C-alpha atoms as a PDB file:
ATOM      1  CA  UNK A   1      10.310  -8.681 -27.919  1.00  0.00           C
ATOM      2  CA  UNK A   2      11.962 -10.791 -25.298  1.00  0.00           C
ATOM      3  CA  UNK A   3       9.748 -13.799 -23.807  1.00  0.00           C
ATOM      4  CA  UNK A   4       9.115 -13.282 -20.094  1.00  0.00           C
ATOM      5  CA  UNK A   5      11.817 -15.561 -18.162  1.00  0.00           C
ATOM      6  CA  UNK A   6       8.684 -17.054 -15.814  1.00  0.00           C
ATOM      7  CA  UNK A   7      11.250 -19.976 -14.925  1.00  0.00           C
ATOM      8  CA  UNK A   8      13.710 -17.673 -13.536  1.00  0.00           C
ATOM      9  CA  UNK A   9      16.226 -19.278 -15.993  1.00  0.00           C
ATOM     10  CA  UNK A  10      20.055 -18.095 -14.592  1.00  0.00           C
ATOM     11  CA  UNK A  11      18.708 -15.868 -12.016  1.00  0.00           C
ATOM     12  CA  UNK A  12      19.923 -13.566 -10.723  1.00  0.00           C
ATOM     13  CA  UNK A  13      21.906 -10.806 -12.827  1.00  0.00           C
ATOM     14  CA  UNK A  14      22.896  -7.733 -11.473  1.00  0.00           C
ATOM     15  CA  UNK A  15      19.590  -5.945 -11.771  1.00  0.00           C
ATOM     16  CA  UNK A  16      17.831  -8.674  -9.977  1.00  0.00           C
ATOM     17  CA  UNK A  17      20.354  -9.010  -7.174  1.00  0.00           C
ATOM     18  CA  UNK A  18      20.350  -4.953  -6.898  1.00  0.00           C
ATOM     19  CA  UNK A  19      16.094  -5.318  -6.840  1.00  0.00           C
ATOM     20  CA  UNK A  20      16.584  -8.168  -3.744  1.00  0.00           C
ATOM     21  CA  UNK A  21      19.391  -6.628  -1.979  1.00  0.00           C
ATOM     22  CA  UNK A  22      17.637  -3.310  -1.713  1.00  0.00           C
ATOM     23  CA  UNK A  23      14.419  -4.925  -0.551  1.00  0.00           C
ATOM     24  CA  UNK A  24      16.549  -6.538   2.307  1.00  0.00           C
ATOM     25  CA  UNK A  25      18.029  -3.496   3.049  1.00  0.00           C
ATOM     26  CA  UNK A  26      14.706  -1.447   2.826  1.00  0.00           C
ATOM     27  CA  UNK A  27      12.772  -4.283   5.311  1.00  0.00           C
ATOM     28  CA  UNK A  28      15.901  -4.281   7.796  1.00  0.00           C
ATOM     29  CA  UNK A  29      15.261  -0.321   7.968  1.00  0.00           C
ATOM     30  CA  UNK A  30      12.188  -0.544   8.479  1.00  0.00           C
ATOM     31  CA  UNK A  31      12.113  -3.310  11.207  1.00  0.00           C
ATOM     32  CA  UNK A  32      14.780  -1.445  12.745  1.00  0.00           C
ATOM     33  CA  UNK A  33      12.670   1.956  12.895  1.00  0.00           C
ATOM     34  CA  UNK A  34       9.414   0.497  13.541  1.00  0.00           C
ATOM     35  CA  UNK A  35       8.379   1.962  16.537  1.00  0.00           C
ATOM     36  CA  UNK A  36      10.117   5.706  15.983  1.00  0.00           C
ATOM     37  CA  UNK A  37       8.480   8.887  14.403  1.00  0.00           C
ATOM     38  CA  UNK A  38      10.635   8.591  11.386  1.00  0.00           C
ATOM     39  CA  UNK A  39       8.359   5.679   9.753  1.00  0.00           C
ATOM     40  CA  UNK A  40       5.224   7.831  10.750  1.00  0.00           C
ATOM     41  CA  UNK A  41       4.359   9.344   7.487  1.00  0.00           C
ATOM     42  CA  UNK A  42       4.822   6.052   5.811  1.00  0.00           C
ATOM     43  CA  UNK A  43       2.717   4.199   7.925  1.00  0.00           C
ATOM     44  CA  UNK A  44      -0.102   6.824   7.659  1.00  0.00           C
ATOM     45  CA  UNK A  45       0.267   6.721   3.736  1.00  0.00           C
ATOM     46  CA  UNK A  46      -0.391   2.828   4.074  1.00  0.00           C
ATOM     47  CA  UNK A  47      -3.483   3.804   6.270  1.00  0.00           C
ATOM     48  CA  UNK A  48      -4.267   6.278   3.404  1.00  0.00           C
ATOM     49  CA  UNK A  49      -4.432   3.573   0.832  1.00  0.00           C
ATOM     50  CA  UNK A  50      -6.215   1.434   3.150  1.00  0.00           C
ATOM     51  CA  UNK A  51      -9.077   4.050   3.372  1.00  0.00           C
ATOM     52  CA  UNK A  52      -8.765   4.746  -0.560  1.00  0.00           C
ATOM     53  CA  UNK A  53      -8.923   1.409  -1.257  1.00  0.00           C
ATOM     54  CA  UNK A  54     -12.394   0.969   0.643  1.00  0.00           C
ATOM     55  CA  UNK A  55     -13.195   4.281  -1.443  1.00  0.00           C
ATOM     56  CA  UNK A  56     -12.280   2.740  -4.981  1.00  0.00           C
ATOM     57  CA  UNK A  57     -14.533  -0.289  -4.165  1.00  0.00           C
ATOM     58  CA  UNK A  58     -17.364   2.094  -3.048  1.00  0.00           C
ATOM     59  CA  UNK A  59     -17.507   3.938  -6.316  1.00  0.00           C
ATOM     60  CA  UNK A  60     -16.847   0.783  -8.123  1.00  0.00           C
ATOM     61  CA  UNK A  61     -19.861  -0.611  -6.913  1.00  0.00           C
ATOM     62  CA  UNK A  62     -21.784   2.601  -7.698  1.00  0.00           C
ATOM     63  CA  UNK A  63     -21.762   3.904  -4.088  1.00  0.00           C
ATOM     64  CA  UNK A  64     -21.108   7.154  -3.105  1.00  0.00           C
ATOM     65  CA  UNK A  65     -18.005   8.343  -0.891  1.00  0.00           C
ATOM     66  CA  UNK A  66     -18.963  11.035   1.583  1.00  0.00           C
ATOM     67  CA  UNK A  67     -15.615  11.473   3.540  1.00  0.00           C
ATOM     68  CA  UNK A  68     -12.290  10.218   4.552  1.00  0.00           C
ATOM     69  CA  UNK A  69     -10.265  10.533   7.827  1.00  0.00           C
ATOM     70  CA  UNK A  70      -6.449   9.309   8.653  1.00  0.00           C
ATOM     71  CA  UNK A  71      -5.700   9.787  12.685  1.00  0.00           C
ATOM     72  CA  UNK A  72      -2.300  10.473  13.728  1.00  0.00           C
ATOM     73  CA  UNK A  73      -2.694   7.300  15.783  1.00  0.00           C
ATOM     74  CA  UNK A  74      -2.361   4.938  12.430  1.00  0.00           C
ATOM     75  CA  UNK A  75      -5.966   4.512  12.437  1.00  0.00           C
ATOM     76  CA  UNK A  76      -8.835   5.807   9.768  1.00  0.00           C
ATOM     77  CA  UNK A  77     -12.166   5.777   8.541  1.00  0.00           C
ATOM     78  CA  UNK A  78     -14.141   6.130   5.527  1.00  0.00           C
ATOM     79  CA  UNK A  79     -17.646   7.342   5.452  1.00  0.00           C
ATOM     80  CA  UNK A  80     -19.690   5.241   2.468  1.00  0.00           C
ATOM     81  CA  UNK A  81     -23.289   5.483   1.143  1.00  0.00           C
ATOM     82  CA  UNK A  82     -24.411   2.628  -0.775  1.00  0.00           C
ATOM     83  CA  UNK A  83     -22.179   0.198  -3.041  1.00  0.00           C
ATOM     84  CA  UNK A  84     -21.711  -3.482  -1.998  1.00  0.00           C
ATOM     85  CA  UNK A  85     -20.699  -3.617   1.625  1.00  0.00           C
ATOM     86  CA  UNK A  86     -19.341  -7.261   1.290  1.00  0.00           C
ATOM     87  CA  UNK A  87     -16.835  -5.935  -1.212  1.00  0.00           C
ATOM     88  CA  UNK A  88     -15.816  -2.973   0.383  1.00  0.00           C
ATOM     89  CA  UNK A  89     -15.127  -3.967   3.691  1.00  0.00           C
ATOM     90  CA  UNK A  90     -12.126  -6.392   2.458  1.00  0.00           C
ATOM     91  CA  UNK A  91     -10.921  -3.927   0.088  1.00  0.00           C
ATOM     92  CA  UNK A  92      -9.013  -1.698   2.503  1.00  0.00           C
ATOM     93  CA  UNK A  93      -6.879  -4.362   3.777  1.00  0.00           C
ATOM     94  CA  UNK A  94      -6.314  -6.555   0.614  1.00  0.00           C
ATOM     95  CA  UNK A  95      -6.317  -2.906  -1.887  1.00  0.00           C
ATOM     96  CA  UNK A  96      -3.633  -1.635   0.524  1.00  0.00           C
ATOM     97  CA  UNK A  97      -1.745  -4.961  -0.295  1.00  0.00           C
ATOM     98  CA  UNK A  98      -2.323  -4.780  -3.479  1.00  0.00           C
ATOM     99  CA  UNK A  99      -1.185  -1.223  -3.780  1.00  0.00           C
ATOM    100  CA  UNK A 100       1.872  -2.258  -2.164  1.00  0.00           C
ATOM    101  CA  UNK A 101       2.891  -4.864  -4.954  1.00  0.00           C
ATOM    102  CA  UNK A 102       2.271  -2.395  -7.332  1.00  0.00           C
ATOM    103  CA  UNK A 103       4.559   0.065  -6.015  1.00  0.00           C
ATOM    104  CA  UNK A 104       6.921  -2.304  -5.794  1.00  0.00           C
ATOM    105  CA  UNK A 105       6.741  -3.636  -9.413  1.00  0.00           C
ATOM    106  CA  UNK A 106       6.570   0.272 -10.627  1.00  0.00           C
ATOM    107  CA  UNK A 107      10.082   0.945  -9.293  1.00  0.00           C
ATOM    108  CA  UNK A 108      11.448  -2.142 -11.411  1.00  0.00           C
ATOM    109  CA  UNK A 109      11.520   0.906 -14.317  1.00  0.00           C
ATOM    110  CA  UNK A 110      11.971   4.851 -14.432  1.00  0.00           C
ATOM    111  CA  UNK A 111       9.069   5.552 -16.686  1.00  0.00           C
ATOM    112  CA  UNK A 112       6.517   3.280 -14.583  1.00  0.00           C
ATOM    113  CA  UNK A 113       8.054   4.686 -11.295  1.00  0.00           C
ATOM    114  CA  UNK A 114       7.122   8.239 -12.962  1.00  0.00           C
ATOM    115  CA  UNK A 115       3.560   7.002 -13.557  1.00  0.00           C
ATOM    116  CA  UNK A 116       3.623   5.524  -9.932  1.00  0.00           C
ATOM    117  CA  UNK A 117       4.490   8.369  -8.391  1.00  0.00           C
ATOM    118  CA  UNK A 118       1.911  11.104 -10.561  1.00  0.00           C
ATOM    119  CA  UNK A 119      -0.821   8.613  -9.700  1.00  0.00           C
ATOM    120  CA  UNK A 120      -0.098   8.687  -5.971  1.00  0.00           C
ATOM    121  CA  UNK A 121       0.229  12.269  -6.120  1.00  0.00           C
ATOM    122  CA  UNK A 122      -3.298  12.466  -8.001  1.00  0.00           C
ATOM    123  CA  UNK A 123      -4.992  10.098  -5.681  1.00  0.00           C
ATOM    124  CA  UNK A 124      -3.343  12.561  -2.604  1.00  0.00           C
ATOM    125  CA  UNK A 125      -4.924  15.589  -4.281  1.00  0.00           C
ATOM    126  CA  UNK A 126      -8.047  14.302  -5.039  1.00  0.00           C
ATOM    127  CA  UNK A 127      -8.480  12.845  -1.442  1.00  0.00           C
ATOM    128  CA  UNK A 128      -7.457  16.218  -0.245  1.00  0.00           C
ATOM    129  CA  UNK A 129     -10.874  17.414  -1.209  1.00  0.00           C
ATOM    130  CA  UNK A 130     -12.949  14.907   0.866  1.00  0.00           C
ATOM    131  CA  UNK A 131     -10.325  14.420   3.631  1.00  0.00           C
ATOM    132  CA  UNK A 132     -12.848  15.111   7.002  1.00  0.00           C
ATOM    133  CA  UNK A 133      -9.683  16.201   8.976  1.00  0.00           C
ATOM    134  CA  UNK A 134      -6.200  17.740   9.169  1.00  0.00           C
ATOM    135  CA  UNK A 135      -4.404  14.831   9.785  1.00  0.00           C
ATOM    136  CA  UNK A 136      -5.260  13.588   6.533  1.00  0.00           C
ATOM    137  CA  UNK A 137      -5.168  17.108   4.860  1.00  0.00           C
ATOM    138  CA  UNK A 138      -1.835  17.580   5.935  1.00  0.00           C
ATOM    139  CA  UNK A 139      -0.685  14.312   4.812  1.00  0.00           C
ATOM    140  CA  UNK A 140      -1.439  14.811   1.509  1.00  0.00           C
ATOM    141  CA  UNK A 141      -0.255  18.287   1.118  1.00  0.00           C
ATOM    142  CA  UNK A 142       2.815  16.914   2.632  1.00  0.00           C
ATOM    143  CA  UNK A 143       3.371  13.823   0.453  1.00  0.00           C
ATOM    144  CA  UNK A 144       2.445  15.760  -2.447  1.00  0.00           C
ATOM    145  CA  UNK A 145       5.350  18.094  -2.058  1.00  0.00           C
ATOM    146  CA  UNK A 146       7.529  15.696  -0.896  1.00  0.00           C
ATOM    147  CA  UNK A 147       7.045  13.696  -4.452  1.00  0.00           C
ATOM    148  CA  UNK A 148       7.402  17.167  -6.016  1.00  0.00           C
ATOM    149  CA  UNK A 149      11.272  17.471  -4.568  1.00  0.00           C
ATOM    150  CA  UNK A 150      11.541  13.702  -5.534  1.00  0.00           C
ATOM    151  CA  UNK A 151      10.500  14.184  -8.919  1.00  0.00           C
ATOM    152  CA  UNK A 152      12.353  17.833  -9.718  1.00  0.00           C
ATOM    153  CA  UNK A 153      15.713  16.029  -7.792  1.00  0.00           C
ATOM    154  CA  UNK A 154      15.315  13.186 -10.356  1.00  0.00           C
ATOM    155  CA  UNK A 155      14.956  15.138 -13.544  1.00  0.00           C
ATOM    156  CA  UNK A 156      17.191  18.043 -12.864  1.00  0.00           C
ATOM    157  CA  UNK A 157      20.228  16.784 -10.545  1.00  0.00           C
ATOM    158  CA  UNK A 158      22.314  13.490 -10.266  1.00  0.00           C
ATOM    159  CA  UNK A 159      20.092  12.963  -7.205  1.00  0.00           C
ATOM    160  CA  UNK A 160      17.979   9.714  -9.057  1.00  0.00           C
ATOM    161  CA  UNK A 161      16.417   8.244  -6.425  1.00  0.00           C
ATOM    162  CA  UNK A 162      12.520   8.401  -7.427  1.00  0.00           C
ATOM    163  CA  UNK A 163      12.419   4.551  -8.124  1.00  0.00           C
ATOM    164  CA  UNK A 164      13.742   3.807  -4.428  1.00  0.00           C
ATOM    165  CA  UNK A 165      11.332   6.155  -3.025  1.00  0.00           C
ATOM    166  CA  UNK A 166       8.723   4.378  -5.041  1.00  0.00           C
ATOM    167  CA  UNK A 167      10.114   0.914  -3.697  1.00  0.00           C
ATOM    168  CA  UNK A 168      10.158   1.806  -0.069  1.00  0.00           C
ATOM    169  CA  UNK A 169       6.813   3.069   0.233  1.00  0.00           C
ATOM    170  CA  UNK A 170       5.558  -0.145  -1.850  1.00  0.00           C
ATOM    171  CA  UNK A 171       7.648  -2.451   0.613  1.00  0.00           C
ATOM    172  CA  UNK A 172       6.524  -0.542   3.385  1.00  0.00           C
ATOM    173  CA  UNK A 173       3.205  -0.684   2.461  1.00  0.00           C
ATOM    174  CA  UNK A 174       3.185  -4.489   1.678  1.00  0.00           C
ATOM    175  CA  UNK A 175       4.730  -5.095   5.366  1.00  0.00           C
ATOM    176  CA  UNK A 176       2.641  -2.748   7.363  1.00  0.00           C
ATOM    177  CA  UNK A 177      -0.846  -4.509   5.979  1.00  0.00           C
ATOM    178  CA  UNK A 178       0.397  -7.834   6.817  1.00  0.00           C
ATOM    179  CA  UNK A 179       1.431  -6.589  10.470  1.00  0.00           C
ATOM    180  CA  UNK A 180      -2.073  -4.530  10.454  1.00  0.00           C
ATOM    181  CA  UNK A 181      -3.908  -7.556   9.609  1.00  0.00           C
ATOM    182  CA  UNK A 182      -2.190  -9.673  12.390  1.00  0.00           C
ATOM    183  CA  UNK A 183      -2.190  -6.863  15.001  1.00  0.00           C
ATOM    184  CA  UNK A 184      -5.782  -5.709  14.569  1.00  0.00           C
ATOM    185  CA  UNK A 185      -7.588  -8.819  13.360  1.00  0.00           C
ATOM    186  CA  UNK A 186      -5.776 -11.842  14.875  1.00  0.00           C
ATOM    187  CA  UNK A 187      -3.325 -10.877  17.951  1.00  0.00           C
ATOM    188  CA  UNK A 188      -5.855  -8.057  19.155  1.00  0.00           C
ATOM    189  CA  UNK A 189      -9.344  -9.001  17.720  1.00  0.00           C
ATOM    190  CA  UNK A 190     -10.346  -5.415  17.135  1.00  0.00           C
ATOM    191  CA  UNK A 191     -14.250  -5.737  17.441  1.00  0.00           C
ATOM    192  CA  UNK A 192     -14.910  -2.513  14.949  1.00  0.00           C
ATOM    193  CA  UNK A 193     -12.572  -3.650  12.859  1.00  0.00           C
ATOM    194  CA  UNK A 194     -13.628  -4.908   9.023  1.00  0.00           C
ATOM    195  CA  UNK A 195     -13.301  -8.385   9.585  1.00  0.00           C
ATOM    196  CA  UNK A 196     -15.445  -8.335  12.741  1.00  0.00           C
ATOM    197  CA  UNK A 197     -18.110  -6.412  10.608  1.00  0.00           C
ATOM    198  CA  UNK A 198     -17.588  -8.987   7.339  1.00  0.00           C
ATOM    199  CA  UNK A 199     -17.933 -11.716  10.100  1.00  0.00           C
ATOM    200  CA  UNK A 200     -22.069 -10.285  10.765  1.00  0.00           C
ATOM    201  CA  UNK A 201     -22.628 -10.683   6.835  1.00  0.00           C
ATOM    202  CA  UNK A 202     -20.360 -13.573   5.939  1.00  0.00           C
ATOM    203  CA  UNK A 203     -20.620 -16.150   9.394  1.00  0.00           C
ATOM    204  CA  UNK A 204     -19.449 -18.614   7.489  1.00  0.00           C
ATOM    205  CA  UNK A 205     -15.983 -17.401   9.445  1.00  0.00           C
ATOM    206  CA  UNK A 206     -14.983 -15.820  12.821  1.00  0.00           C
ATOM    207  CA  UNK A 207     -13.857 -12.261  12.459  1.00  0.00           C
ATOM    208  CA  UNK A 208     -10.400 -13.856  13.387  1.00  0.00           C
ATOM    209  CA  UNK A 209     -10.690 -16.343  10.490  1.00  0.00           C
ATOM    210  CA  UNK A 210     -11.197 -13.846   7.892  1.00  0.00           C
ATOM    211  CA  UNK A 211      -8.569 -12.324   9.093  1.00  0.00           C
ATOM    212  CA  UNK A 212      -6.191 -15.285   8.796  1.00  0.00           C
ATOM    213  CA  UNK A 213      -7.538 -15.571   5.395  1.00  0.00           C
ATOM    214  CA  UNK A 214      -6.695 -11.599   4.533  1.00  0.00           C
ATOM    215  CA  UNK A 215      -3.318 -12.040   5.972  1.00  0.00           C
ATOM    216  CA  UNK A 216      -2.828 -15.341   3.573  1.00  0.00           C
ATOM    217  CA  UNK A 217      -4.020 -13.456   0.853  1.00  0.00           C
ATOM    218  CA  UNK A 218      -1.625 -10.178   1.738  1.00  0.00           C
ATOM    219  CA  UNK A 219       1.220 -12.482   1.957  1.00  0.00           C
ATOM    220  CA  UNK A 220       0.634 -13.923  -1.114  1.00  0.00           C
ATOM    221  CA  UNK A 221       0.841 -10.384  -2.456  1.00  0.00           C
ATOM    222  CA  UNK A 222       4.177  -9.449  -1.098  1.00  0.00           C
ATOM    223  CA  UNK A 223       5.401 -12.771  -2.526  1.00  0.00           C
ATOM    224  CA  UNK A 224       3.889 -12.093  -5.862  1.00  0.00           C
ATOM    225  CA  UNK A 225       5.610  -8.605  -6.150  1.00  0.00           C
ATOM    226  CA  UNK A 226       9.054 -10.399  -5.397  1.00  0.00           C
ATOM    227  CA  UNK A 227       8.628 -13.399  -8.216  1.00  0.00           C
ATOM    228  CA  UNK A 228       7.096 -10.539 -10.943  1.00  0.00           C
ATOM    229  CA  UNK A 229       9.958  -8.129  -9.973  1.00  0.00           C
ATOM    230  CA  UNK A 230      12.354 -10.778 -10.960  1.00  0.00           C
ATOM    231  CA  UNK A 231      10.857 -11.694 -14.112  1.00  0.00           C
ATOM    232  CA  UNK A 232      10.537  -8.225 -14.936  1.00  0.00           C
ATOM    233  CA  UNK A 233      14.256  -7.654 -14.513  1.00  0.00           C
ATOM    234  CA  UNK A 234      15.402 -10.981 -16.235  1.00  0.00           C
END
C-alpha cells in the first residue's frame, strides 16, 4: 500500500490537474448560472442536505423526526422532538458543508462515486416518506430518477459521467452552503435562522457571530476537500 502523499510532493499529476480544472470549471459555471432556474434543482438538493443534517443530528441524539419540508423559494424546515437541541441547530449548515466535502472526495474514484450516488438515492427515498410538502416529494422522486439515469448511462453506455455529476453536486453544495450562511446569518440577519436560535441558548455570541464562526468552518470544509482530493489522487 502506498503511503499517502500528505505533503503533495511533485504536485500536480494528470489526475490532480483534471480534478482542480474540473472544480474550477464547475465553480465558474455555478457562479454564471447562479440566478437562473437551471441551478434550482441543485440548490434544492443543498437545502435537502441541510434539513437532512438536522434530522440525522436529531436521531443521533435520541430525538424523533416528525417531518421535513423543502420549499421552492430555497427554504426548508425540519420538525423534531427531543434530542440535543444545541447539536441539532448547527448541524444544518455544518452538515451540508460536510456532505459537500464528502461528495467532492467521493468523486475521485468510480467505486466511491457509485457509493455516494446510491447513498444519496437511498436518503432521498427514505425522506420521501416523511416529506411534508410536494416540493420535497417531487425533488426526491426527480433526483432518484436523475441518478438512476446517470447510473444506467455509466454502466451500459460510453457516457461515463457519474463521477462528474457527484463532483458537481459536491461543489454546488459546498459553495451554496457558504453563501447560505453569509446570506442568512451575516448580511441579512434572518431572525428565525438557526444561528439566531442558537444564540438564545449559547449567548456568548450573537447570531451574526455564530454565522461568522459557522461560515469559517464551512469554508474550512471546502479547503479540506481540495487538499484531501489532491492527496487521494497523488
